[in-house]
Amino acid sequence: MRTDAAGVLDSAIPVLAKDRGASMQVIATRAGISRATLTRMFPTRQVLVQAMAAKILDDCEMALIRARAHPGVTDEVLTGLVAEYVPFAQLWNLVYVEPDVLGAPEATDRAEEIFAHTVTLMAAGQEAGVLRADMPATWLASTFCGLAETAWELTLEGHMGARQAPDFLSAVMRHGLTTPAASPRHGRSRKR
């Protein structure tokens, strides 16, 4: 178990996502550290929650920087973004709803900027012909973040494996909820 600040935050974020009212003691216990360790790094629950939000925002920004580092928006760029879906899930799960974060203008401004960059990336994907162009880019970005949140929650609850989540997210982003065209490898779908 990592006891550096980033490791503690990685352990604590899922705890708060599952139990919004979790106390510092509950967060420490479920994260596998002592309350003393937690309060030494984050003296109050508000400081802890704001540090969680800052880490989530930093992680989203880094994922977008890596996605934009490639020339043009290709299938691989979107695959890379989907592979790094967790901070976007946490953005919607915690940053947009946690009272200790909502009142912080810097966090709100950063979250809005991240979402705007996500919309821009989706629009570029539409222009490149990688994403469907018959829906607004804002819808595609919102759908990505909403599906990311669902995938992360199902993973936390044990309903899907951590390696399955990006594959499922990618499949729905690429094909919607319809069955992909039958191929020789997968065979034809049958009515049940």
Protein backbone atom coordinates (compact mmCIF):
# COMPACT_ATOMS: atom_id res chain seq x y z
CA MET A 1 0.00 0.00 0.00
CA ARG A 2 1.48 3.35 -1.05
CA THR A 3 1.54 5.93 1.69
CA ASP A 4 2.71 8.90 -0.38
CA ALA A 5 0.12 11.63 -0.98
CA ALA A 6 -0.73 10.48 -4.53
CA GLY A 7 -1.11 6.86 -3.39
CA VAL A 8 -3.32 7.86 -0.47
CA LEU A 9 -5.50 9.93 -2.80
CA ASP A 10 -5.76 7.03 -5.28
CA SER A 11 -6.97 4.82 -2.41
CA ALA A 12 -9.29 7.43 -0.89
CA ILE A 13 -11.08 8.61 -4.06
CA PRO A 14 -13.02 5.33 -4.57
CA VAL A 15 -14.01 5.32 -0.89
CA LEU A 16 -15.62 8.75 -1.16
CA ALA A 17 -17.21 7.82 -4.49
CA LYS A 18 -18.99 4.89 -2.85
CA ASP A 19 -19.84 6.68 0.43
CA ARG A 20 -20.34 10.45 0.11
CA GLY A 21 -20.68 10.87 3.86
CA ALA A 22 -17.55 8.91 4.78
CA SER A 23 -15.65 10.36 7.72
CA MET A 24 -11.88 10.71 7.84
CA GLN A 25 -11.74 7.54 9.96
CA VAL A 26 -13.86 5.59 7.48
CA ILE A 27 -11.83 6.88 4.53
CA ALA A 28 -8.55 5.94 6.24
CA THR A 29 -9.76 2.47 7.25
CA ARG A 30 -11.20 1.62 3.83
CA ALA A 31 -8.13 3.03 2.09
CA GLY A 32 -5.97 0.73 4.24
CA ILE A 33 -4.07 3.41 6.15
CA SER A 34 -4.21 4.79 9.67
CA ARG A 35 -6.21 7.90 10.47
CA ALA A 36 -2.98 9.46 11.76
CA THR A 37 -1.32 8.97 8.37
CA LEU A 38 -4.33 10.46 6.61
CA THR A 39 -4.61 13.51 8.88
CA ARG A 40 -0.86 14.10 8.78
CA MET A 41 -1.17 14.62 5.01
CA PHE A 42 -4.66 16.12 4.91
CA PRO A 43 -5.60 17.76 8.23
CA THR A 44 -9.32 18.09 7.47
CA ARG A 45 -11.88 16.36 5.32
CA GLN A 46 -12.28 19.53 3.24
CA VAL A 47 -8.54 19.65 2.54
CA LEU A 48 -8.63 15.95 1.59
CA VAL A 49 -11.58 16.38 -0.78
CA GLN A 50 -9.99 19.41 -2.42
CA ALA A 51 -6.74 17.47 -2.86
CA MET A 52 -8.72 14.62 -4.45
CA ALA A 53 -10.30 17.09 -6.87
CA ALA A 54 -6.92 18.63 -7.74
CA LYS A 55 -5.47 15.17 -8.47
CA ILE A 56 -8.45 14.20 -10.63
CA LEU A 57 -8.18 17.46 -12.57
CA ASP A 58 -4.41 16.99 -13.01
CA ASP A 59 -4.95 13.43 -14.26
CA CYS A 60 -7.61 14.57 -16.77
CA GLU A 61 -5.32 17.32 -18.05
CA MET A 62 -2.44 14.87 -18.50
CA ALA A 63 -4.66 12.41 -20.39
CA LEU A 64 -5.78 15.19 -22.73
CA ILE A 65 -2.19 16.40 -23.24
CA ARG A 66 -1.15 12.85 -24.20
CA ALA A 67 -4.15 12.57 -26.54
CA ARG A 68 -3.37 15.90 -28.22
CA ALA A 69 0.35 15.10 -28.57
CA HIS A 70 -0.34 13.04 -31.70
CA PRO A 71 -0.81 14.77 -35.03
CA GLY A 72 -4.46 14.62 -36.02
CA VAL A 73 -7.16 12.67 -34.26
CA THR A 74 -6.83 9.03 -35.16
CA ASP A 75 -8.44 5.88 -33.90
CA GLU A 76 -5.33 5.32 -31.72
CA VAL A 77 -5.74 8.73 -30.05
CA LEU A 78 -9.30 7.90 -29.06
CA THR A 79 -8.26 4.41 -27.95
CA GLY A 80 -5.64 6.04 -25.71
CA LEU A 81 -8.19 8.43 -24.24
CA VAL A 82 -10.61 5.59 -23.51
CA ALA A 83 -7.78 3.64 -21.87
CA GLU A 84 -7.33 6.57 -19.49
CA TYR A 85 -11.05 6.91 -18.72
CA VAL A 86 -10.84 6.77 -14.90
CA PRO A 87 -10.06 10.45 -14.18
CA PHE A 88 -12.95 11.50 -16.45
CA ALA A 89 -15.22 9.15 -14.50
CA GLN A 90 -13.97 10.68 -11.26
CA LEU A 91 -14.45 14.17 -12.66
CA TRP A 92 -18.16 13.51 -13.12
CA ASN A 93 -18.50 11.35 -10.01
CA LEU A 94 -16.76 13.62 -7.50
CA VAL A 95 -15.62 16.98 -8.81
CA TYR A 96 -19.00 18.07 -10.20
CA VAL A 97 -21.01 16.96 -7.16
CA GLU A 98 -18.88 17.23 -4.02
CA PRO A 99 -19.90 20.33 -1.98
CA ASP A 100 -16.32 20.99 -0.80
CA VAL A 101 -15.26 21.30 -4.44
CA LEU A 102 -18.27 23.04 -5.96
CA GLY A 103 -17.57 26.22 -4.01
CA ALA A 104 -13.96 26.39 -5.18
CA PRO A 105 -13.80 28.61 -8.30
CA GLU A 106 -10.39 27.30 -9.40
CA ALA A 107 -11.64 23.69 -9.46
CA THR A 108 -14.82 24.71 -11.30
CA ASP A 109 -12.85 26.69 -13.88
CA ARG A 110 -10.41 23.82 -14.43
CA ALA A 111 -13.26 21.30 -14.77
CA GLU A 112 -14.98 23.49 -17.36
CA GLU A 113 -11.72 23.88 -19.26
CA ILE A 114 -11.13 20.12 -19.25
CA PHE A 115 -14.62 19.49 -20.55
CA ALA A 116 -14.14 22.15 -23.26
CA HIS A 117 -10.91 20.41 -24.35
CA THR A 118 -12.73 17.07 -24.39
CA VAL A 119 -15.40 18.60 -26.65
CA THR A 120 -12.66 19.99 -28.92
CA LEU A 121 -11.05 16.55 -29.14
CA MET A 122 -14.39 14.97 -30.04
CA ALA A 123 -14.99 17.64 -32.71
CA ALA A 124 -11.55 16.95 -34.17
CA GLY A 125 -12.43 13.24 -34.21
CA GLN A 126 -15.59 14.09 -36.13
CA GLU A 127 -13.64 16.18 -38.66
CA ALA A 128 -11.17 13.33 -39.13
CA GLY A 129 -14.02 10.90 -39.78
CA VAL A 130 -13.19 8.81 -36.71
CA LEU A 131 -16.36 9.77 -34.83
CA ARG A 132 -19.87 10.13 -36.16
CA ALA A 133 -20.68 13.64 -37.29
CA ASP A 134 -24.46 13.53 -36.90
CA MET A 135 -24.36 14.46 -33.20
CA PRO A 136 -22.93 17.53 -31.46
CA ALA A 137 -19.40 17.17 -30.12
CA THR A 138 -20.72 18.27 -26.71
CA TRP A 139 -23.02 15.24 -26.74
CA LEU A 140 -20.11 12.93 -27.60
CA ALA A 141 -17.93 14.39 -24.82
CA SER A 142 -20.78 14.14 -22.30
CA THR A 143 -21.49 10.57 -23.40
CA PHE A 144 -17.83 9.64 -23.00
CA CYS A 145 -17.68 11.08 -19.47
CA GLY A 146 -21.01 9.54 -18.46
CA LEU A 147 -20.05 6.12 -19.79
CA ALA A 148 -16.65 6.44 -18.09
CA GLU A 149 -18.40 7.11 -14.77
CA THR A 150 -20.66 4.08 -15.25
CA ALA A 151 -17.72 1.82 -16.16
CA TRP A 152 -15.72 2.99 -13.14
CA GLU A 153 -18.63 2.52 -10.74
CA LEU A 154 -19.34 -0.99 -12.06
CA THR A 155 -15.65 -1.83 -11.67
CA LEU A 156 -15.64 -0.55 -8.07
CA GLU A 157 -18.75 -2.61 -7.32
CA GLY A 158 -17.20 -5.75 -8.83
CA HIS A 159 -19.66 -6.05 -11.73
CA MET A 160 -16.88 -5.87 -14.32
CA GLY A 161 -13.13 -6.28 -14.35
CA ALA A 162 -10.74 -3.35 -14.57
CA ARG A 163 -9.46 -4.62 -17.93
CA GLN A 164 -12.99 -5.09 -19.29
CA ALA A 165 -14.08 -1.52 -18.62
CA PRO A 166 -12.05 0.22 -21.39
CA ASP A 167 -13.09 -2.46 -23.89
CA PHE A 168 -16.77 -2.07 -23.04
CA LEU A 169 -16.49 1.72 -23.06
CA SER A 170 -14.76 1.65 -26.43
CA ALA A 171 -17.34 -0.74 -27.90
CA VAL A 172 -20.25 1.48 -26.89
CA MET A 173 -18.46 4.64 -28.05
CA ARG A 174 -17.74 3.06 -31.44
CA HIS A 175 -20.91 1.06 -32.06
CA GLY A 176 -23.56 2.48 -29.73
CA LEU A 177 -25.90 -0.13 -28.34
CA THR A 178 -26.42 -1.96 -31.59
CA THR A 179 -24.79 -5.24 -32.49
CA PRO A 180 -21.70 -4.68 -34.68
CA ALA A 181 -22.02 -6.09 -38.20
CA ALA A 182 -21.48 -9.82 -38.22
CA SER A 183 -18.02 -10.88 -39.25
CA PRO A 184 -16.62 -14.33 -40.02
CA ARG A 185 -14.67 -14.23 -36.75
CA HIS A 186 -17.68 -13.51 -34.56
CA GLY A 187 -20.38 -15.24 -36.56
CA ARG A 188 -23.90 -13.99 -37.01
CA SER A 189 -25.96 -12.97 -34.03
CA ARG A 190 -28.92 -15.23 -33.26
CA LYS A 191 -32.31 -14.34 -31.87
CA ARG A 192 -32.98 -15.96 -28.53
